[in-house]
Amino acid sequence: MPLLLAFSFFIGAPPEHGHDAWFARDKALHFVASALVQGAAYSAFHRGARYTVAVERASLVTVAVGVGKELYDWRHPARHDASWRDLA
């Protein structure tokens, strides 16, 4: 994940529909949504599993949801803007 964050500074341009600021309301919403997905997935996987296994599985679910959201945004540009910064 740190590698993705480092490369996100150099990969891709801001969306055409406006400025894609690093610190904006949109990024805060992505952070909160990811935290909620991580927490819910961890709670689901922690029942009967070790801590490390639950964290790994929850992290995979969180990444999958985040990438899925950005792929959705990419496929529907009229309604949303895909962003490398959102993914980071």
N, C-alpha and C. Protein backbone atom coordinates (compact mmCIF):
# COMPACT_ATOMS: atom_id res chain seq x y z
N MET A 1 0.81 -1.19 0.00
CA MET A 1 0.00 0.00 0.00
C MET A 1 0.86 1.26 0.00
N PRO A 2 1.95 1.34 0.77
CA PRO A 2 2.80 2.54 0.71
C PRO A 2 3.38 2.76 -0.68
N LEU A 3 3.67 1.67 -1.39
CA LEU A 3 4.20 1.80 -2.74
C LEU A 3 3.15 2.42 -3.66
N LEU A 4 1.89 2.00 -3.52
CA LEU A 4 0.81 2.58 -4.32
C LEU A 4 0.67 4.06 -4.02
N LEU A 5 0.76 4.43 -2.77
CA LEU A 5 0.67 5.84 -2.39
C LEU A 5 1.81 6.64 -3.01
N ALA A 6 3.02 6.09 -2.98
CA ALA A 6 4.17 6.78 -3.54
C ALA A 6 4.02 6.98 -5.05
N PHE A 7 3.58 5.94 -5.75
CA PHE A 7 3.43 6.04 -7.20
C PHE A 7 2.22 6.87 -7.61
N SER A 8 1.24 7.00 -6.73
CA SER A 8 0.04 7.75 -7.09
C SER A 8 0.33 9.23 -7.33
N PHE A 9 1.46 9.71 -6.81
CA PHE A 9 1.84 11.10 -7.07
C PHE A 9 2.23 11.29 -8.53
N PHE A 10 2.67 10.24 -9.20
CA PHE A 10 3.20 10.34 -10.55
C PHE A 10 2.31 9.72 -11.61
N ILE A 11 1.37 8.87 -11.20
CA ILE A 11 0.54 8.15 -12.16
C ILE A 11 -0.79 8.87 -12.34
N GLY A 12 -1.18 9.05 -13.56
CA GLY A 12 -2.49 9.60 -13.86
C GLY A 12 -2.59 11.09 -13.64
N ALA A 13 -3.53 11.67 -14.34
CA ALA A 13 -3.79 13.10 -14.24
C ALA A 13 -5.08 13.30 -13.46
N PRO A 14 -5.29 14.50 -12.95
CA PRO A 14 -6.55 14.77 -12.28
C PRO A 14 -7.71 14.63 -13.26
N PRO A 15 -8.90 14.36 -12.77
CA PRO A 15 -10.04 14.22 -13.67
C PRO A 15 -10.27 15.49 -14.48
N GLU A 16 -10.86 15.33 -15.65
CA GLU A 16 -11.12 16.47 -16.53
C GLU A 16 -12.21 17.38 -15.98
N HIS A 17 -13.09 16.85 -15.15
CA HIS A 17 -14.24 17.61 -14.68
C HIS A 17 -13.90 18.56 -13.53
N GLY A 18 -12.71 18.56 -13.04
CA GLY A 18 -12.36 19.46 -11.95
C GLY A 18 -11.05 19.08 -11.31
N HIS A 19 -10.67 19.85 -10.34
CA HIS A 19 -9.42 19.62 -9.64
C HIS A 19 -9.60 18.49 -8.63
N ASP A 20 -8.67 17.57 -8.59
CA ASP A 20 -8.72 16.42 -7.69
C ASP A 20 -7.72 16.64 -6.57
N ALA A 21 -8.11 17.39 -5.56
CA ALA A 21 -7.22 17.74 -4.45
C ALA A 21 -6.94 16.53 -3.57
N TRP A 22 -5.73 16.52 -3.00
CA TRP A 22 -5.36 15.43 -2.09
C TRP A 22 -6.16 15.49 -0.80
N PHE A 23 -6.42 16.68 -0.31
CA PHE A 23 -7.16 16.84 0.93
C PHE A 23 -8.47 17.54 0.62
N ALA A 24 -9.50 16.73 0.42
CA ALA A 24 -10.82 17.25 0.09
C ALA A 24 -11.87 16.37 0.76
N ARG A 25 -13.11 16.84 0.71
CA ARG A 25 -14.21 16.10 1.32
C ARG A 25 -14.32 14.69 0.73
N ASP A 26 -14.11 14.58 -0.57
CA ASP A 26 -14.19 13.29 -1.24
C ASP A 26 -13.20 12.28 -0.66
N LYS A 27 -11.99 12.72 -0.38
CA LYS A 27 -10.97 11.82 0.18
C LYS A 27 -11.35 11.39 1.59
N ALA A 28 -11.92 12.31 2.36
CA ALA A 28 -12.36 11.96 3.71
C ALA A 28 -13.47 10.91 3.67
N LEU A 29 -14.38 11.05 2.70
CA LEU A 29 -15.46 10.06 2.55
C LEU A 29 -14.89 8.70 2.16
N HIS A 30 -13.90 8.68 1.27
CA HIS A 30 -13.26 7.41 0.91
C HIS A 30 -12.58 6.77 2.12
N PHE A 31 -11.92 7.58 2.93
CA PHE A 31 -11.24 7.07 4.12
C PHE A 31 -12.25 6.46 5.09
N VAL A 32 -13.34 7.17 5.35
CA VAL A 32 -14.35 6.68 6.29
C VAL A 32 -15.00 5.41 5.76
N ALA A 33 -15.32 5.39 4.46
CA ALA A 33 -15.92 4.18 3.88
C ALA A 33 -14.98 2.99 3.99
N SER A 34 -13.70 3.22 3.72
CA SER A 34 -12.72 2.12 3.83
C SER A 34 -12.59 1.65 5.27
N ALA A 35 -12.62 2.57 6.22
CA ALA A 35 -12.53 2.18 7.62
C ALA A 35 -13.75 1.35 8.04
N LEU A 36 -14.92 1.73 7.55
CA LEU A 36 -16.13 0.97 7.87
C LEU A 36 -16.09 -0.42 7.26
N VAL A 37 -15.66 -0.52 6.00
CA VAL A 37 -15.55 -1.83 5.35
C VAL A 37 -14.53 -2.69 6.09
N GLN A 38 -13.39 -2.11 6.43
CA GLN A 38 -12.34 -2.86 7.14
C GLN A 38 -12.86 -3.36 8.48
N GLY A 39 -13.54 -2.50 9.22
CA GLY A 39 -14.07 -2.89 10.53
C GLY A 39 -15.13 -3.98 10.43
N ALA A 40 -16.03 -3.84 9.48
CA ALA A 40 -17.09 -4.84 9.31
C ALA A 40 -16.50 -6.18 8.86
N ALA A 41 -15.58 -6.13 7.92
CA ALA A 41 -14.96 -7.37 7.43
C ALA A 41 -14.14 -8.03 8.53
N TYR A 42 -13.41 -7.24 9.30
CA TYR A 42 -12.63 -7.80 10.41
C TYR A 42 -13.55 -8.48 11.42
N SER A 43 -14.66 -7.82 11.74
CA SER A 43 -15.60 -8.41 12.69
C SER A 43 -16.14 -9.73 12.19
N ALA A 44 -16.41 -9.80 10.90
CA ALA A 44 -16.94 -11.03 10.32
C ALA A 44 -15.89 -12.14 10.32
N PHE A 45 -14.66 -11.80 9.98
CA PHE A 45 -13.60 -12.82 9.90
C PHE A 45 -13.01 -13.18 11.25
N HIS A 46 -13.13 -12.31 12.24
CA HIS A 46 -12.48 -12.56 13.54
C HIS A 46 -13.17 -13.68 14.31
N ARG A 47 -14.39 -13.95 14.01
CA ARG A 47 -15.10 -15.02 14.71
C ARG A 47 -14.49 -16.36 14.30
N GLY A 48 -13.72 -16.93 15.22
CA GLY A 48 -13.12 -18.23 14.97
C GLY A 48 -11.78 -18.20 14.25
N ALA A 49 -11.26 -17.03 13.95
CA ALA A 49 -9.97 -16.94 13.25
C ALA A 49 -8.99 -16.16 14.10
N ARG A 50 -7.70 -16.42 13.86
CA ARG A 50 -6.67 -15.65 14.56
C ARG A 50 -6.69 -14.21 14.10
N TYR A 51 -6.11 -13.32 14.91
CA TYR A 51 -6.07 -11.89 14.61
C TYR A 51 -5.43 -11.62 13.25
N THR A 52 -4.26 -12.20 13.00
CA THR A 52 -3.54 -11.91 11.76
C THR A 52 -4.32 -12.38 10.53
N VAL A 53 -4.97 -13.53 10.63
CA VAL A 53 -5.76 -14.05 9.51
C VAL A 53 -6.95 -13.12 9.26
N ALA A 54 -7.61 -12.70 10.32
CA ALA A 54 -8.77 -11.81 10.17
C ALA A 54 -8.37 -10.47 9.56
N VAL A 55 -7.23 -9.93 9.99
CA VAL A 55 -6.77 -8.65 9.45
C VAL A 55 -6.40 -8.79 7.97
N GLU A 56 -5.72 -9.86 7.61
CA GLU A 56 -5.35 -10.06 6.21
C GLU A 56 -6.58 -10.18 5.32
N ARG A 57 -7.54 -10.97 5.74
CA ARG A 57 -8.75 -11.16 4.94
C ARG A 57 -9.56 -9.87 4.85
N ALA A 58 -9.68 -9.17 5.96
CA ALA A 58 -10.41 -7.90 5.95
C ALA A 58 -9.72 -6.87 5.06
N SER A 59 -8.40 -6.87 5.06
CA SER A 59 -7.66 -5.95 4.19
C SER A 59 -7.89 -6.27 2.72
N LEU A 60 -7.92 -7.55 2.38
CA LEU A 60 -8.20 -7.95 1.00
C LEU A 60 -9.60 -7.51 0.58
N VAL A 61 -10.57 -7.67 1.45
CA VAL A 61 -11.93 -7.23 1.15
C VAL A 61 -11.98 -5.72 0.94
N THR A 62 -11.29 -4.98 1.81
CA THR A 62 -11.28 -3.52 1.71
C THR A 62 -10.64 -3.06 0.41
N VAL A 63 -9.53 -3.65 0.03
CA VAL A 63 -8.87 -3.30 -1.23
C VAL A 63 -9.78 -3.65 -2.41
N ALA A 64 -10.42 -4.80 -2.36
CA ALA A 64 -11.31 -5.22 -3.45
C ALA A 64 -12.48 -4.24 -3.61
N VAL A 65 -13.05 -3.80 -2.51
CA VAL A 65 -14.16 -2.85 -2.57
C VAL A 65 -13.67 -1.51 -3.13
N GLY A 66 -12.51 -1.04 -2.68
CA GLY A 66 -11.97 0.23 -3.16
C GLY A 66 -11.65 0.20 -4.65
N VAL A 67 -11.00 -0.87 -5.10
CA VAL A 67 -10.68 -1.00 -6.52
C VAL A 67 -11.97 -1.14 -7.33
N GLY A 68 -12.92 -1.90 -6.81
CA GLY A 68 -14.21 -2.04 -7.49
C GLY A 68 -14.93 -0.71 -7.65
N LYS A 69 -14.88 0.11 -6.62
CA LYS A 69 -15.51 1.43 -6.69
C LYS A 69 -14.85 2.29 -7.76
N GLU A 70 -13.53 2.29 -7.83
CA GLU A 70 -12.84 3.10 -8.83
C GLU A 70 -13.06 2.54 -10.24
N LEU A 71 -13.15 1.23 -10.39
CA LEU A 71 -13.47 0.65 -11.70
C LEU A 71 -14.89 1.04 -12.13
N TYR A 72 -15.80 1.05 -11.18
CA TYR A 72 -17.16 1.50 -11.47
C TYR A 72 -17.14 2.96 -11.93
N ASP A 73 -16.41 3.81 -11.21
CA ASP A 73 -16.30 5.22 -11.59
C ASP A 73 -15.68 5.37 -12.97
N TRP A 74 -14.72 4.54 -13.30
CA TRP A 74 -14.05 4.61 -14.59
C TRP A 74 -15.00 4.21 -15.72
N ARG A 75 -15.86 3.21 -15.45
CA ARG A 75 -16.79 2.73 -16.48
C ARG A 75 -17.99 3.66 -16.66
N HIS A 76 -18.26 4.51 -15.69
CA HIS A 76 -19.41 5.42 -15.74
C HIS A 76 -18.93 6.87 -15.57
N PRO A 77 -18.17 7.39 -16.53
CA PRO A 77 -17.58 8.72 -16.37
C PRO A 77 -18.60 9.86 -16.36
N ALA A 78 -19.79 9.64 -16.90
CA ALA A 78 -20.79 10.71 -16.92
C ALA A 78 -21.29 11.04 -15.51
N ARG A 79 -21.25 10.05 -14.63
CA ARG A 79 -21.77 10.27 -13.27
C ARG A 79 -20.69 10.42 -12.22
N HIS A 80 -19.53 9.85 -12.45
CA HIS A 80 -18.47 9.85 -11.44
C HIS A 80 -17.12 10.09 -12.10
N ASP A 81 -16.14 10.39 -11.28
CA ASP A 81 -14.77 10.55 -11.77
C ASP A 81 -13.89 9.51 -11.09
N ALA A 82 -13.26 8.67 -11.90
CA ALA A 82 -12.27 7.75 -11.35
C ALA A 82 -11.02 8.54 -10.99
N SER A 83 -10.31 8.10 -9.97
CA SER A 83 -9.16 8.87 -9.51
C SER A 83 -8.13 7.95 -8.86
N TRP A 84 -6.88 8.10 -9.30
CA TRP A 84 -5.79 7.38 -8.64
C TRP A 84 -5.66 7.86 -7.20
N ARG A 85 -5.92 9.12 -6.99
CA ARG A 85 -5.81 9.67 -5.63
C ARG A 85 -6.88 9.08 -4.71
N ASP A 86 -8.07 8.84 -5.22
CA ASP A 86 -9.09 8.18 -4.41
C ASP A 86 -8.63 6.78 -4.01
N LEU A 87 -8.03 6.09 -4.94
CA LEU A 87 -7.57 4.73 -4.67
C LEU A 87 -6.40 4.72 -3.67
N ALA A 88 -5.55 5.70 -3.75
CA ALA A 88 -4.44 5.79 -2.80
C ALA A 88 -4.96 6.03 -1.40
